[in-house]
């Protein structure tokens, strides 16, 4: 019996990834009510456990976070917003899309998204009363920067949003709305949610984008907009390497070329909600158009990004200073 049990266990582990992957294919979606019914048989119809287990399963799949380390509140009730959305979802893809599209600290502006047919979707920006007084310039949607490398040269540093289990427990949620730009005089910081790319997760991301662009999605196309936001920063393999080195793109199953190919294949630039990251884009544009900041950042980037260029600059400066001092004392001593 032991060899038989070991064989069954190995087969179960081998086909587990295939089963999980197939559960998130758009064409394989089954009503979430059926999944909840099956889970209720396993957990004795516990209404608190079922949505938590679904939430833990989603975090485990996309961020490899152990099930017992997924954030949850001690006093959590089924009426909580995140759990209520999970319960009211129609399928697993919708549940995942809502989980990672939540508003963080009320920063995000609301938009009205309309699906007419699966191949055509547009969003209407509904600005706040304060923003409506400000006249919108159409040129604001046309950034002056073209890639991550250009932003880096202008003093923008990239940092991932911390999504460790400890951080998730503290923040209580992870969302692709949580993109933050922190301005500074010489440097600025752009904080981005990390994206794990494996063979299985790339399939999930593609199906999530397909779901957001379908008529079944009734919320904002946050995941599609975030992937487009990253795609706008990626112009070549060097940009991919930079995001990977900053732990924003986590690739465990492929090369940088495959990650670059993934973003170019999944790109849906013609279908996105520009209002989702409008404030971030405006702050980046304001930083890039500041001549003093970009001038100082470009000097630092050009002459101080490695020890040799900095040493060369100091040597050249020292030669100029010593030449000036020598000339001064030569003239001064000649007068005496």
C-alpha atoms as a PDB file:
ATOM      1  CA  UNK A   1       0.000   0.000   0.000  1.00  0.00           C
ATOM      2  CA  UNK A   2       2.862   2.379   0.699  1.00  0.00           C
ATOM      3  CA  UNK A   3       4.192   2.428  -2.904  1.00  0.00           C
ATOM      4  CA  UNK A   4       0.649   2.982  -4.142  1.00  0.00           C
ATOM      5  CA  UNK A   5       0.077   5.861  -1.708  1.00  0.00           C
ATOM      6  CA  UNK A   6       3.409   7.428  -2.648  1.00  0.00           C
ATOM      7  CA  UNK A   7       2.547   7.165  -6.347  1.00  0.00           C
ATOM      8  CA  UNK A   8      -0.824   8.825  -5.826  1.00  0.00           C
ATOM      9  CA  UNK A   9       0.809  11.609  -3.822  1.00  0.00           C
ATOM     10  CA  UNK A  10       3.397  12.251  -6.553  1.00  0.00           C
ATOM     11  CA  UNK A  11       0.699  12.286  -9.214  1.00  0.00           C
ATOM     12  CA  UNK A  12      -1.370  14.707  -7.126  1.00  0.00           C
ATOM     13  CA  UNK A  13       1.583  17.098  -6.754  1.00  0.00           C
ATOM     14  CA  UNK A  14       2.420  16.817 -10.450  1.00  0.00           C
ATOM     15  CA  UNK A  15      -1.074  17.629 -11.668  1.00  0.00           C
ATOM     16  CA  UNK A  16      -1.813  20.237  -9.003  1.00  0.00           C
ATOM     17  CA  UNK A  17      -0.292  23.086 -11.023  1.00  0.00           C
ATOM     18  CA  UNK A  18      -2.175  22.035 -14.150  1.00  0.00           C
ATOM     19  CA  UNK A  19      -5.432  21.928 -12.209  1.00  0.00           C
ATOM     20  CA  UNK A  20      -4.870  25.359 -10.662  1.00  0.00           C
ATOM     21  CA  UNK A  21      -3.914  26.851 -14.030  1.00  0.00           C
ATOM     22  CA  UNK A  22      -6.995  25.422 -15.739  1.00  0.00           C
ATOM     23  CA  UNK A  23      -9.235  26.868 -13.023  1.00  0.00           C
ATOM     24  CA  UNK A  24      -8.267  30.391 -14.109  1.00  0.00           C
ATOM     25  CA  UNK A  25      -8.767  29.964 -17.839  1.00  0.00           C
ATOM     26  CA  UNK A  26     -11.547  32.234 -19.056  1.00  0.00           C
ATOM     27  CA  UNK A  27     -13.269  29.443 -20.971  1.00  0.00           C
ATOM     28  CA  UNK A  28     -13.170  27.149 -17.917  1.00  0.00           C
ATOM     29  CA  UNK A  29     -14.918  29.479 -15.483  1.00  0.00           C
ATOM     30  CA  UNK A  30     -17.689  27.872 -13.495  1.00  0.00           C
ATOM     31  CA  UNK A  31     -20.115  29.733 -11.228  1.00  0.00           C
ATOM     32  CA  UNK A  32     -18.509  30.630  -7.922  1.00  0.00           C
ATOM     33  CA  UNK A  33     -21.697  29.424  -6.251  1.00  0.00           C
ATOM     34  CA  UNK A  34     -20.770  25.883  -7.299  1.00  0.00           C
ATOM     35  CA  UNK A  35     -17.303  26.222  -5.750  1.00  0.00           C
ATOM     36  CA  UNK A  36     -18.784  27.642  -2.562  1.00  0.00           C
ATOM     37  CA  UNK A  37     -21.260  24.770  -2.434  1.00  0.00           C
ATOM     38  CA  UNK A  38     -18.458  22.213  -2.731  1.00  0.00           C
ATOM     39  CA  UNK A  39     -16.394  24.048  -0.115  1.00  0.00           C
ATOM     40  CA  UNK A  40     -19.370  24.252   2.233  1.00  0.00           C
ATOM     41  CA  UNK A  41     -19.487  20.460   2.236  1.00  0.00           C
ATOM     42  CA  UNK A  42     -15.840  20.394   3.281  1.00  0.00           C
ATOM     43  CA  UNK A  43     -16.061  23.188   5.893  1.00  0.00           C
ATOM     44  CA  UNK A  44     -19.532  22.469   7.283  1.00  0.00           C
ATOM     45  CA  UNK A  45     -21.119  25.511   5.615  1.00  0.00           C
ATOM     46  CA  UNK A  46     -18.881  27.961   7.506  1.00  0.00           C
ATOM     47  CA  UNK A  47     -19.567  31.338   5.842  1.00  0.00           C
ATOM     48  CA  UNK A  48     -16.429  32.916   7.317  1.00  0.00           C
ATOM     49  CA  UNK A  49     -13.964  30.243   6.235  1.00  0.00           C
ATOM     50  CA  UNK A  50     -15.016  29.929   2.582  1.00  0.00           C
ATOM     51  CA  UNK A  51     -14.215  33.515   1.403  1.00  0.00           C
ATOM     52  CA  UNK A  52     -11.004  33.508   3.449  1.00  0.00           C
ATOM     53  CA  UNK A  53      -9.893  30.267   1.819  1.00  0.00           C
ATOM     54  CA  UNK A  54     -10.583  31.697  -1.638  1.00  0.00           C
ATOM     55  CA  UNK A  55      -8.600  34.817  -0.751  1.00  0.00           C
ATOM     56  CA  UNK A  56      -5.700  32.723   0.563  1.00  0.00           C
ATOM     57  CA  UNK A  57      -5.754  30.576  -2.565  1.00  0.00           C
ATOM     58  CA  UNK A  58      -5.440  33.662  -4.782  1.00  0.00           C
ATOM     59  CA  UNK A  59      -2.466  35.046  -2.824  1.00  0.00           C
ATOM     60  CA  UNK A  60      -0.792  31.654  -2.831  1.00  0.00           C
ATOM     61  CA  UNK A  61      -1.155  31.290  -6.598  1.00  0.00           C
ATOM     62  CA  UNK A  62       0.137  34.718  -7.662  1.00  0.00           C
ATOM     63  CA  UNK A  63       2.631  35.573  -4.888  1.00  0.00           C
ATOM     64  CA  UNK A  64       3.528  32.145  -3.465  1.00  0.00           C
ATOM     65  CA  UNK A  65       2.552  33.358   0.009  1.00  0.00           C
ATOM     66  CA  UNK A  66       1.832  30.435   2.368  1.00  0.00           C
ATOM     67  CA  UNK A  67      -1.838  30.001   3.138  1.00  0.00           C
ATOM     68  CA  UNK A  68      -1.387  30.608   6.855  1.00  0.00           C
ATOM     69  CA  UNK A  69       0.377  33.956   6.235  1.00  0.00           C
ATOM     70  CA  UNK A  70      -2.268  35.702   4.129  1.00  0.00           C
ATOM     71  CA  UNK A  71      -3.510  38.879   5.888  1.00  0.00           C
ATOM     72  CA  UNK A  72      -6.781  38.655   7.707  1.00  0.00           C
ATOM     73  CA  UNK A  73      -8.504  40.613  10.463  1.00  0.00           C
ATOM     74  CA  UNK A  74      -9.186  39.107  13.856  1.00  0.00           C
ATOM     75  CA  UNK A  75     -12.631  40.686  14.057  1.00  0.00           C
ATOM     76  CA  UNK A  76     -13.443  40.025  10.435  1.00  0.00           C
ATOM     77  CA  UNK A  77     -17.053  39.370   9.540  1.00  0.00           C
ATOM     78  CA  UNK A  78     -18.583  38.197   6.277  1.00  0.00           C
ATOM     79  CA  UNK A  79     -20.026  41.683   5.814  1.00  0.00           C
ATOM     80  CA  UNK A  80     -16.530  43.177   5.333  1.00  0.00           C
ATOM     81  CA  UNK A  81     -16.084  44.891   2.007  1.00  0.00           C
ATOM     82  CA  UNK A  82     -13.397  42.579   0.629  1.00  0.00           C
ATOM     83  CA  UNK A  83     -15.137  39.391   1.770  1.00  0.00           C
ATOM     84  CA  UNK A  84     -18.523  40.661   0.636  1.00  0.00           C
ATOM     85  CA  UNK A  85     -17.153  41.302  -2.852  1.00  0.00           C
ATOM     86  CA  UNK A  86     -15.645  37.840  -2.863  1.00  0.00           C
ATOM     87  CA  UNK A  87     -18.963  36.267  -1.887  1.00  0.00           C
ATOM     88  CA  UNK A  88     -20.877  38.260  -4.507  1.00  0.00           C
ATOM     89  CA  UNK A  89     -18.498  37.404  -7.372  1.00  0.00           C
ATOM     90  CA  UNK A  90     -19.802  35.215 -10.153  1.00  0.00           C
ATOM     91  CA  UNK A  91     -16.583  33.341 -10.920  1.00  0.00           C
ATOM     92  CA  UNK A  92     -13.030  32.881  -9.675  1.00  0.00           C
ATOM     93  CA  UNK A  93     -11.522  35.342 -12.168  1.00  0.00           C
ATOM     94  CA  UNK A  94     -13.935  38.046 -11.048  1.00  0.00           C
ATOM     95  CA  UNK A  95     -13.075  37.333  -7.423  1.00  0.00           C
ATOM     96  CA  UNK A  96      -9.357  37.700  -8.178  1.00  0.00           C
ATOM     97  CA  UNK A  97      -9.890  40.858 -10.229  1.00  0.00           C
ATOM     98  CA  UNK A  98     -11.826  42.511  -7.394  1.00  0.00           C
ATOM     99  CA  UNK A  99      -9.262  41.392  -4.812  1.00  0.00           C
ATOM    100  CA  UNK A 100      -6.392  43.205  -6.548  1.00  0.00           C
ATOM    101  CA  UNK A 101      -8.406  46.240  -7.704  1.00  0.00           C
ATOM    102  CA  UNK A 102      -9.331  47.552  -4.284  1.00  0.00           C
ATOM    103  CA  UNK A 103      -8.857  51.211  -3.432  1.00  0.00           C
ATOM    104  CA  UNK A 104      -5.865  51.952  -1.203  1.00  0.00           C
ATOM    105  CA  UNK A 105      -6.404  54.758   1.332  1.00  0.00           C
ATOM    106  CA  UNK A 106      -9.109  56.258  -0.868  1.00  0.00           C
ATOM    107  CA  UNK A 107      -6.533  57.700  -3.289  1.00  0.00           C
ATOM    108  CA  UNK A 108      -8.078  56.516  -6.517  1.00  0.00           C
ATOM    109  CA  UNK A 109     -10.551  58.580  -8.470  1.00  0.00           C
ATOM    110  CA  UNK A 110     -13.774  56.997  -9.639  1.00  0.00           C
ATOM    111  CA  UNK A 111     -14.517  56.354 -13.276  1.00  0.00           C
ATOM    112  CA  UNK A 112     -17.470  54.990 -15.142  1.00  0.00           C
ATOM    113  CA  UNK A 113     -16.449  52.063 -17.350  1.00  0.00           C
ATOM    114  CA  UNK A 114     -18.761  50.852 -20.075  1.00  0.00           C
ATOM    115  CA  UNK A 115     -18.630  47.609 -22.046  1.00  0.00           C
ATOM    116  CA  UNK A 116     -20.550  47.739 -25.308  1.00  0.00           C
ATOM    117  CA  UNK A 117     -19.178  44.611 -26.964  1.00  0.00           C
ATOM    118  CA  UNK A 118     -16.239  42.400 -25.928  1.00  0.00           C
ATOM    119  CA  UNK A 119     -13.922  44.098 -28.424  1.00  0.00           C
ATOM    120  CA  UNK A 120     -14.861  47.679 -27.535  1.00  0.00           C
ATOM    121  CA  UNK A 121     -14.618  49.270 -24.126  1.00  0.00           C
ATOM    122  CA  UNK A 122     -14.300  52.855 -23.070  1.00  0.00           C
ATOM    123  CA  UNK A 123     -14.132  54.670 -19.734  1.00  0.00           C
ATOM    124  CA  UNK A 124     -15.479  58.053 -18.777  1.00  0.00           C
ATOM    125  CA  UNK A 125     -13.454  60.027 -16.280  1.00  0.00           C
ATOM    126  CA  UNK A 126     -15.524  61.433 -13.475  1.00  0.00           C
ATOM    127  CA  UNK A 127     -13.256  64.019 -11.822  1.00  0.00           C
ATOM    128  CA  UNK A 128     -13.736  65.319  -8.332  1.00  0.00           C
ATOM    129  CA  UNK A 129     -15.338  68.787  -7.858  1.00  0.00           C
ATOM    130  CA  UNK A 130     -11.916  70.230  -7.111  1.00  0.00           C
ATOM    131  CA  UNK A 131     -10.414  68.755 -10.269  1.00  0.00           C
ATOM    132  CA  UNK A 132     -13.350  69.841 -12.419  1.00  0.00           C
ATOM    133  CA  UNK A 133     -12.486  73.493 -11.830  1.00  0.00           C
ATOM    134  CA  UNK A 134      -9.096  72.908 -13.377  1.00  0.00           C
ATOM    135  CA  UNK A 135      -9.113  72.950 -17.130  1.00  0.00           C
ATOM    136  CA  UNK A 136      -7.725  69.704 -18.517  1.00  0.00           C
ATOM    137  CA  UNK A 137      -5.009  69.908 -21.139  1.00  0.00           C
ATOM    138  CA  UNK A 138      -5.184  67.157 -23.800  1.00  0.00           C
ATOM    139  CA  UNK A 139      -1.379  67.156 -23.878  1.00  0.00           C
ATOM    140  CA  UNK A 140      -1.344  65.794 -20.313  1.00  0.00           C
ATOM    141  CA  UNK A 141      -2.141  62.337 -21.677  1.00  0.00           C
ATOM    142  CA  UNK A 142       0.946  62.492 -23.942  1.00  0.00           C
ATOM    143  CA  UNK A 143       3.986  62.035 -21.667  1.00  0.00           C
ATOM    144  CA  UNK A 144       7.316  63.596 -22.566  1.00  0.00           C
ATOM    145  CA  UNK A 145       9.217  60.526 -21.330  1.00  0.00           C
ATOM    146  CA  UNK A 146       9.413  57.342 -23.359  1.00  0.00           C
ATOM    147  CA  UNK A 147      10.988  54.647 -21.198  1.00  0.00           C
ATOM    148  CA  UNK A 148      12.241  53.635 -17.795  1.00  0.00           C
ATOM    149  CA  UNK A 149      15.801  54.489 -18.842  1.00  0.00           C
ATOM    150  CA  UNK A 150      14.795  58.096 -19.525  1.00  0.00           C
ATOM    151  CA  UNK A 151      13.083  58.381 -16.147  1.00  0.00           C
ATOM    152  CA  UNK A 152      16.136  56.910 -14.439  1.00  0.00           C
ATOM    153  CA  UNK A 153      18.355  59.486 -16.138  1.00  0.00           C
ATOM    154  CA  UNK A 154      16.010  62.220 -14.877  1.00  0.00           C
ATOM    155  CA  UNK A 155      16.423  61.100 -11.273  1.00  0.00           C
ATOM    156  CA  UNK A 156      13.448  58.762 -10.830  1.00  0.00           C
ATOM    157  CA  UNK A 157      14.268  55.721  -8.718  1.00  0.00           C
ATOM    158  CA  UNK A 158      12.096  52.614  -8.736  1.00  0.00           C
ATOM    159  CA  UNK A 159      11.084  50.623  -5.693  1.00  0.00           C
ATOM    160  CA  UNK A 160       8.606  47.756  -5.199  1.00  0.00           C
ATOM    161  CA  UNK A 161       5.663  47.977  -2.855  1.00  0.00           C
ATOM    162  CA  UNK A 162       6.399  45.598  -0.010  1.00  0.00           C
ATOM    163  CA  UNK A 163       4.107  42.577  -0.328  1.00  0.00           C
ATOM    164  CA  UNK A 164       5.786  40.316   2.206  1.00  0.00           C
ATOM    165  CA  UNK A 165       3.458  38.420   4.569  1.00  0.00           C
ATOM    166  CA  UNK A 166       4.372  40.771   7.438  1.00  0.00           C
ATOM    167  CA  UNK A 167       3.654  43.844   5.316  1.00  0.00           C
ATOM    168  CA  UNK A 168       0.402  42.396   4.010  1.00  0.00           C
ATOM    169  CA  UNK A 169      -0.753  41.713   7.553  1.00  0.00           C
ATOM    170  CA  UNK A 170      -0.010  45.340   8.419  1.00  0.00           C
ATOM    171  CA  UNK A 171      -1.581  46.859   5.296  1.00  0.00           C
ATOM    172  CA  UNK A 172      -4.368  44.235   5.114  1.00  0.00           C
ATOM    173  CA  UNK A 173      -4.549  44.310   1.323  1.00  0.00           C
ATOM    174  CA  UNK A 174      -2.594  44.331  -1.903  1.00  0.00           C
ATOM    175  CA  UNK A 175      -3.837  46.285  -4.878  1.00  0.00           C
ATOM    176  CA  UNK A 176      -2.591  47.324  -8.296  1.00  0.00           C
ATOM    177  CA  UNK A 177      -4.071  50.741  -7.510  1.00  0.00           C
ATOM    178  CA  UNK A 178      -1.247  51.186  -5.004  1.00  0.00           C
ATOM    179  CA  UNK A 179       1.139  53.032  -7.340  1.00  0.00           C
ATOM    180  CA  UNK A 180       2.833  55.987  -5.660  1.00  0.00           C
ATOM    181  CA  UNK A 181       5.169  58.716  -6.893  1.00  0.00           C
ATOM    182  CA  UNK A 182       7.215  60.478  -4.188  1.00  0.00           C
ATOM    183  CA  UNK A 183       8.825  63.695  -5.511  1.00  0.00           C
ATOM    184  CA  UNK A 184      12.112  65.121  -4.279  1.00  0.00           C
ATOM    185  CA  UNK A 185      14.562  67.848  -5.235  1.00  0.00           C
ATOM    186  CA  UNK A 186      17.365  65.750  -6.736  1.00  0.00           C
ATOM    187  CA  UNK A 187      15.639  62.400  -6.765  1.00  0.00           C
ATOM    188  CA  UNK A 188      12.098  61.081  -6.986  1.00  0.00           C
ATOM    189  CA  UNK A 189      10.775  57.624  -6.193  1.00  0.00           C
ATOM    190  CA  UNK A 190       8.183  55.585  -8.065  1.00  0.00           C
ATOM    191  CA  UNK A 191       6.781  52.712  -5.992  1.00  0.00           C
ATOM    192  CA  UNK A 192       5.171  49.900  -7.976  1.00  0.00           C
ATOM    193  CA  UNK A 193       3.412  46.664  -7.014  1.00  0.00           C
ATOM    194  CA  UNK A 194       5.590  43.652  -7.891  1.00  0.00           C
ATOM    195  CA  UNK A 195       4.544  41.274 -10.638  1.00  0.00           C
ATOM    196  CA  UNK A 196       5.539  37.597 -10.557  1.00  0.00           C
ATOM    197  CA  UNK A 197       5.907  36.034 -13.983  1.00  0.00           C
ATOM    198  CA  UNK A 198       6.040  32.267 -14.292  1.00  0.00           C
ATOM    199  CA  UNK A 199       4.609  29.969 -16.918  1.00  0.00           C
ATOM    200  CA  UNK A 200       1.433  29.536 -14.873  1.00  0.00           C
ATOM    201  CA  UNK A 201       0.998  33.154 -13.760  1.00  0.00           C
ATOM    202  CA  UNK A 202       1.464  34.553 -17.278  1.00  0.00           C
ATOM    203  CA  UNK A 203      -1.532  32.472 -18.315  1.00  0.00           C
ATOM    204  CA  UNK A 204      -3.492  33.846 -15.353  1.00  0.00           C
ATOM    205  CA  UNK A 205      -2.550  37.473 -16.186  1.00  0.00           C
ATOM    206  CA  UNK A 206      -3.622  37.032 -19.806  1.00  0.00           C
ATOM    207  CA  UNK A 207      -6.954  35.564 -18.749  1.00  0.00           C
ATOM    208  CA  UNK A 208      -7.486  38.374 -16.215  1.00  0.00           C
ATOM    209  CA  UNK A 209      -6.923  40.934 -18.976  1.00  0.00           C
ATOM    210  CA  UNK A 210      -9.333  39.039 -21.220  1.00  0.00           C
ATOM    211  CA  UNK A 211     -11.890  39.014 -18.393  1.00  0.00           C
ATOM    212  CA  UNK A 212     -11.545  42.764 -17.774  1.00  0.00           C
ATOM    213  CA  UNK A 213     -12.131  43.457 -21.459  1.00  0.00           C
ATOM    214  CA  UNK A 214     -15.197  41.232 -21.574  1.00  0.00           C
ATOM    215  CA  UNK A 215     -18.773  42.269 -20.876  1.00  0.00           C
ATOM    216  CA  UNK A 216     -18.743  40.221 -17.659  1.00  0.00           C
ATOM    217  CA  UNK A 217     -16.455  42.716 -15.888  1.00  0.00           C
ATOM    218  CA  UNK A 218     -18.404  45.472 -14.149  1.00  0.00           C
ATOM    219  CA  UNK A 219     -15.448  47.223 -12.481  1.00  0.00           C
ATOM    220  CA  UNK A 220     -12.462  49.229 -13.668  1.00  0.00           C
ATOM    221  CA  UNK A 221      -9.820  47.608 -15.839  1.00  0.00           C
ATOM    222  CA  UNK A 222      -7.133  48.030 -13.179  1.00  0.00           C
ATOM    223  CA  UNK A 223      -4.955  45.016 -14.014  1.00  0.00           C
ATOM    224  CA  UNK A 224      -5.004  45.841 -17.729  1.00  0.00           C
ATOM    225  CA  UNK A 225      -4.103  49.466 -16.972  1.00  0.00           C
ATOM    226  CA  UNK A 226      -1.228  48.432 -14.691  1.00  0.00           C
ATOM    227  CA  UNK A 227       0.239  46.066 -17.287  1.00  0.00           C
ATOM    228  CA  UNK A 228      -0.041  48.863 -19.854  1.00  0.00           C
ATOM    229  CA  UNK A 229       1.615  51.236 -17.378  1.00  0.00           C
ATOM    230  CA  UNK A 230       4.584  48.863 -17.055  1.00  0.00           C
ATOM    231  CA  UNK A 231       4.621  48.254 -20.791  1.00  0.00           C
ATOM    232  CA  UNK A 232       4.926  52.007 -21.380  1.00  0.00           C
ATOM    233  CA  UNK A 233       8.085  51.978 -19.233  1.00  0.00           C
ATOM    234  CA  UNK A 234       9.630  49.019 -21.071  1.00  0.00           C
ATOM    235  CA  UNK A 235      11.278  49.981 -24.349  1.00  0.00           C
ATOM    236  CA  UNK A 236      14.106  47.437 -24.434  1.00  0.00           C
ATOM    237  CA  UNK A 237      15.726  44.606 -22.502  1.00  0.00           C
ATOM    238  CA  UNK A 238      17.670  47.043 -20.305  1.00  0.00           C
ATOM    239  CA  UNK A 239      14.380  48.332 -18.902  1.00  0.00           C
ATOM    240  CA  UNK A 240      13.313  44.765 -18.104  1.00  0.00           C
ATOM    241  CA  UNK A 241      16.646  44.112 -16.360  1.00  0.00           C
ATOM    242  CA  UNK A 242      16.240  47.281 -14.297  1.00  0.00           C
ATOM    243  CA  UNK A 243      12.750  46.293 -13.128  1.00  0.00           C
ATOM    244  CA  UNK A 244      14.006  42.798 -12.358  1.00  0.00           C
ATOM    245  CA  UNK A 245      16.980  44.118 -10.378  1.00  0.00           C
ATOM    246  CA  UNK A 246      14.600  46.313  -8.351  1.00  0.00           C
ATOM    247  CA  UNK A 247      12.408  43.253  -7.591  1.00  0.00           C
ATOM    248  CA  UNK A 248       9.405  44.759  -9.377  1.00  0.00           C
ATOM    249  CA  UNK A 249       9.386  42.054 -12.037  1.00  0.00           C
ATOM    250  CA  UNK A 250       9.992  38.634 -10.519  1.00  0.00           C
ATOM    251  CA  UNK A 251      10.739  36.005 -13.128  1.00  0.00           C
ATOM    252  CA  UNK A 252      11.285  32.449 -11.916  1.00  0.00           C
ATOM    253  CA  UNK A 253      10.813  30.465 -15.105  1.00  0.00           C
ATOM    254  CA  UNK A 254      12.191  32.414 -18.047  1.00  0.00           C
ATOM    255  CA  UNK A 255      14.649  34.956 -19.385  1.00  0.00           C
ATOM    256  CA  UNK A 256      14.468  38.720 -19.729  1.00  0.00           C
ATOM    257  CA  UNK A 257      13.669  38.239 -23.409  1.00  0.00           C
ATOM    258  CA  UNK A 258      10.590  36.197 -22.488  1.00  0.00           C
ATOM    259  CA  UNK A 259       9.414  38.876 -20.055  1.00  0.00           C
ATOM    260  CA  UNK A 260       9.880  41.530 -22.732  1.00  0.00           C
ATOM    261  CA  UNK A 261       7.946  39.381 -25.189  1.00  0.00           C
ATOM    262  CA  UNK A 262       5.147  38.879 -22.636  1.00  0.00           C
ATOM    263  CA  UNK A 263       4.545  42.619 -22.257  1.00  0.00           C
ATOM    264  CA  UNK A 264       4.636  43.284 -25.982  1.00  0.00           C
ATOM    265  CA  UNK A 265       2.229  40.433 -26.732  1.00  0.00           C
ATOM    266  CA  UNK A 266      -0.271  41.305 -24.001  1.00  0.00           C
ATOM    267  CA  UNK A 267      -0.164  45.041 -24.710  1.00  0.00           C
ATOM    268  CA  UNK A 268      -3.626  46.624 -25.045  1.00  0.00           C
ATOM    269  CA  UNK A 269      -2.631  50.291 -25.171  1.00  0.00           C
ATOM    270  CA  UNK A 270      -5.721  51.205 -27.176  1.00  0.00           C
ATOM    271  CA  UNK A 271      -7.978  49.946 -24.366  1.00  0.00           C
ATOM    272  CA  UNK A 272      -7.125  51.360 -20.970  1.00  0.00           C
ATOM    273  CA  UNK A 273      -8.434  53.657 -18.261  1.00  0.00           C
ATOM    274  CA  UNK A 274      -6.140  56.691 -18.206  1.00  0.00           C
ATOM    275  CA  UNK A 275      -7.766  58.059 -15.059  1.00  0.00           C
ATOM    276  CA  UNK A 276      -6.532  55.218 -12.832  1.00  0.00           C
ATOM    277  CA  UNK A 277      -2.945  56.507 -12.695  1.00  0.00           C
ATOM    278  CA  UNK A 278      -3.686  60.071 -13.761  1.00  0.00           C
ATOM    279  CA  UNK A 279      -2.256  61.646 -10.590  1.00  0.00           C
ATOM    280  CA  UNK A 280       0.898  59.531 -10.833  1.00  0.00           C
ATOM    281  CA  UNK A 281       1.397  60.396 -14.500  1.00  0.00           C
ATOM    282  CA  UNK A 282       0.900  64.095 -13.782  1.00  0.00           C
ATOM    283  CA  UNK A 283       3.458  64.002 -10.945  1.00  0.00           C
ATOM    284  CA  UNK A 284       5.980  62.210 -13.168  1.00  0.00           C
ATOM    285  CA  UNK A 285       5.397  64.711 -15.946  1.00  0.00           C
ATOM    286  CA  UNK A 286       5.808  67.623 -13.523  1.00  0.00           C
ATOM    287  CA  UNK A 287       9.123  66.175 -12.345  1.00  0.00           C
ATOM    288  CA  UNK A 288      10.370  65.601 -15.913  1.00  0.00           C
ATOM    289  CA  UNK A 289       9.457  69.140 -16.977  1.00  0.00           C
ATOM    290  CA  UNK A 290      11.318  70.727 -14.063  1.00  0.00           C
ATOM    291  CA  UNK A 291      14.591  71.843 -15.666  1.00  0.00           C
ATOM    292  CA  UNK A 292      16.414  72.369 -12.366  1.00  0.00           C
ATOM    293  CA  UNK A 293      15.578  68.890 -11.050  1.00  0.00           C
ATOM    294  CA  UNK A 294      16.296  67.080 -14.292  1.00  0.00           C
ATOM    295  CA  UNK A 295      19.496  69.058 -14.887  1.00  0.00           C
ATOM    296  CA  UNK A 296      20.858  68.174 -11.442  1.00  0.00           C
ATOM    297  CA  UNK A 297      19.704  64.558 -11.777  1.00  0.00           C
ATOM    298  CA  UNK A 298      21.301  64.168 -15.213  1.00  0.00           C
ATOM    299  CA  UNK A 299      24.633  65.492 -13.914  1.00  0.00           C
ATOM    300  CA  UNK A 300      24.543  63.068 -10.993  1.00  0.00           C
ATOM    301  CA  UNK A 301      23.454  60.211 -13.270  1.00  0.00           C
ATOM    302  CA  UNK A 302      26.183  60.955 -15.819  1.00  0.00           C
ATOM    303  CA  UNK A 303      29.130  61.593 -13.508  1.00  0.00           C
ATOM    304  CA  UNK A 304      28.340  59.770 -10.260  1.00  0.00           C
ATOM    305  CA  UNK A 305      26.645  56.496 -11.218  1.00  0.00           C
ATOM    306  CA  UNK A 306      29.965  54.600 -10.959  1.00  0.00           C
ATOM    307  CA  UNK A 307      33.253  55.246  -9.090  1.00  0.00           C
ATOM    308  CA  UNK A 308      35.335  55.712 -12.250  1.00  0.00           C
ATOM    309  CA  UNK A 309      33.260  58.533 -13.700  1.00  0.00           C
ATOM    310  CA  UNK A 310      33.150  60.233 -10.288  1.00  0.00           C
ATOM    311  CA  UNK A 311      36.921  59.828  -9.922  1.00  0.00           C
ATOM    312  CA  UNK A 312      37.440  61.310 -13.375  1.00  0.00           C
ATOM    313  CA  UNK A 313      35.248  64.297 -12.507  1.00  0.00           C
ATOM    314  CA  UNK A 314      37.113  64.912  -9.233  1.00  0.00           C
ATOM    315  CA  UNK A 315      40.464  64.624 -11.036  1.00  0.00           C
ATOM    316  CA  UNK A 316      39.402  67.100 -13.719  1.00  0.00           C
ATOM    317  CA  UNK A 317      38.063  69.477 -11.070  1.00  0.00           C
ATOM    318  CA  UNK A 318      41.294  69.186  -9.079  1.00  0.00           C
ATOM    319  CA  UNK A 319      43.383  69.965 -12.177  1.00  0.00           C
ATOM    320  CA  UNK A 320      41.304  73.072 -12.908  1.00  0.00           C
ATOM    321  CA  UNK A 321      41.505  74.274  -9.290  1.00  0.00           C
ATOM    322  CA  UNK A 322      45.264  73.668  -9.050  1.00  0.00           C
ATOM    323  CA  UNK A 323      45.814  75.437 -12.373  1.00  0.00           C
ATOM    324  CA  UNK A 324      43.830  78.426 -11.112  1.00  0.00           C
ATOM    325  CA  UNK A 325      45.771  78.500  -7.828  1.00  0.00           C
ATOM    326  CA  UNK A 326      49.094  78.215  -9.645  1.00  0.00           C
ATOM    327  CA  UNK A 327      48.166  81.033 -12.024  1.00  0.00           C
ATOM    328  CA  UNK A 328      46.997  83.221  -9.153  1.00  0.00           C
ATOM    329  CA  UNK A 329      50.196  82.789  -7.133  1.00  0.00           C
ATOM    330  CA  UNK A 330      52.326  83.296 -10.243  1.00  0.00           C
ATOM    331  CA  UNK A 331      50.654  86.629 -10.957  1.00  0.00           C
ATOM    332  CA  UNK A 332      50.605  87.648  -7.276  1.00  0.00           C
ATOM    333  CA  UNK A 333      54.284  86.800  -6.709  1.00  0.00           C
ATOM    334  CA  UNK A 334      55.221  88.657  -9.931  1.00  0.00           C
ATOM    335  CA  UNK A 335      53.593  91.861  -8.673  1.00  0.00           C
ATOM    336  CA  UNK A 336      55.543  91.680  -5.425  1.00  0.00           C
END
